[in-house]
């Protein structure tokens, strides 16, 4: 059985910021208090020729 490894990281985010976790890109859509609404992207939004596919389901994280 494989061990699950978790890493904790704190950073300041603003609306429009994009972070990469593994091969997924998360773009900050909205911030309300301690909740952040992310848009999940499956392509690199920084690359002009990337085939960006946006998941229409945004996710709110705390």
Protein backbone atom coordinates (compact mmCIF):
# COMPACT_ATOMS: atom_id res chain seq x y z
CA UNK A 1 0.00 0.00 0.00
CA UNK A 2 1.37 3.45 -0.93
CA UNK A 3 1.86 6.12 1.72
CA UNK A 4 -0.10 9.34 1.36
CA UNK A 5 2.09 12.42 1.58
CA UNK A 6 0.56 15.81 2.36
CA UNK A 7 2.28 19.16 2.19
CA UNK A 8 1.04 22.37 3.76
CA UNK A 9 1.84 25.74 2.19
CA UNK A 10 0.49 29.20 2.97
CA UNK A 11 0.52 32.01 0.40
CA UNK A 12 -1.29 35.24 -0.34
CA UNK A 13 -3.60 35.07 -3.34
CA UNK A 14 -5.49 37.69 -5.32
CA UNK A 15 -8.31 37.38 -7.83
CA UNK A 16 -6.83 36.32 -11.17
CA UNK A 17 -3.83 34.51 -9.65
CA UNK A 18 -3.15 31.01 -10.98
CA UNK A 19 -1.45 28.21 -9.08
CA UNK A 20 -0.41 24.77 -10.30
CA UNK A 21 -0.95 21.60 -8.26
CA UNK A 22 0.40 18.57 -10.09
CA UNK A 23 -0.87 18.89 -13.66
CA UNK A 24 -3.92 20.97 -12.68
CA UNK A 25 -4.12 24.77 -12.76
CA UNK A 26 -6.36 26.65 -10.33
CA UNK A 27 -7.33 30.27 -11.04
CA UNK A 28 -8.69 32.42 -8.21
CA UNK A 29 -12.15 33.65 -9.27
CA UNK A 30 -13.42 35.25 -6.04
CA UNK A 31 -12.37 35.74 -2.43
CA UNK A 32 -14.92 36.29 0.36
CA UNK A 33 -13.54 36.30 3.90
CA UNK A 34 -11.67 33.04 4.39
CA UNK A 35 -13.23 31.33 1.33
CA UNK A 36 -11.56 31.23 -2.08
CA UNK A 37 -13.46 30.30 -5.26
CA UNK A 38 -11.19 28.53 -7.78
CA UNK A 39 -11.71 27.72 -11.45
CA UNK A 40 -10.11 24.40 -12.41
CA UNK A 41 -8.18 24.52 -15.71
CA UNK A 42 -6.64 21.50 -17.42
CA UNK A 43 -4.18 23.46 -19.61
CA UNK A 44 -1.48 25.99 -18.72
CA UNK A 45 -3.16 29.44 -18.85
CA UNK A 46 0.29 31.10 -19.12
CA UNK A 47 1.10 29.44 -22.47
CA UNK A 48 -0.46 31.26 -25.45
CA UNK A 49 -0.66 28.09 -27.57
CA UNK A 50 -1.99 25.85 -24.82
CA UNK A 51 -5.30 24.10 -25.37
CA UNK A 52 -6.97 25.47 -22.28
CA UNK A 53 -9.96 23.44 -21.20
CA UNK A 54 -11.92 25.00 -18.38
CA UNK A 55 -13.97 22.86 -16.06
CA UNK A 56 -17.28 24.71 -15.72
CA UNK A 57 -17.49 23.61 -12.09
CA UNK A 58 -15.79 26.13 -9.82
CA UNK A 59 -14.89 24.97 -6.33
CA UNK A 60 -14.91 26.95 -3.10
CA UNK A 61 -12.12 26.16 -0.64
CA UNK A 62 -11.43 27.42 2.86
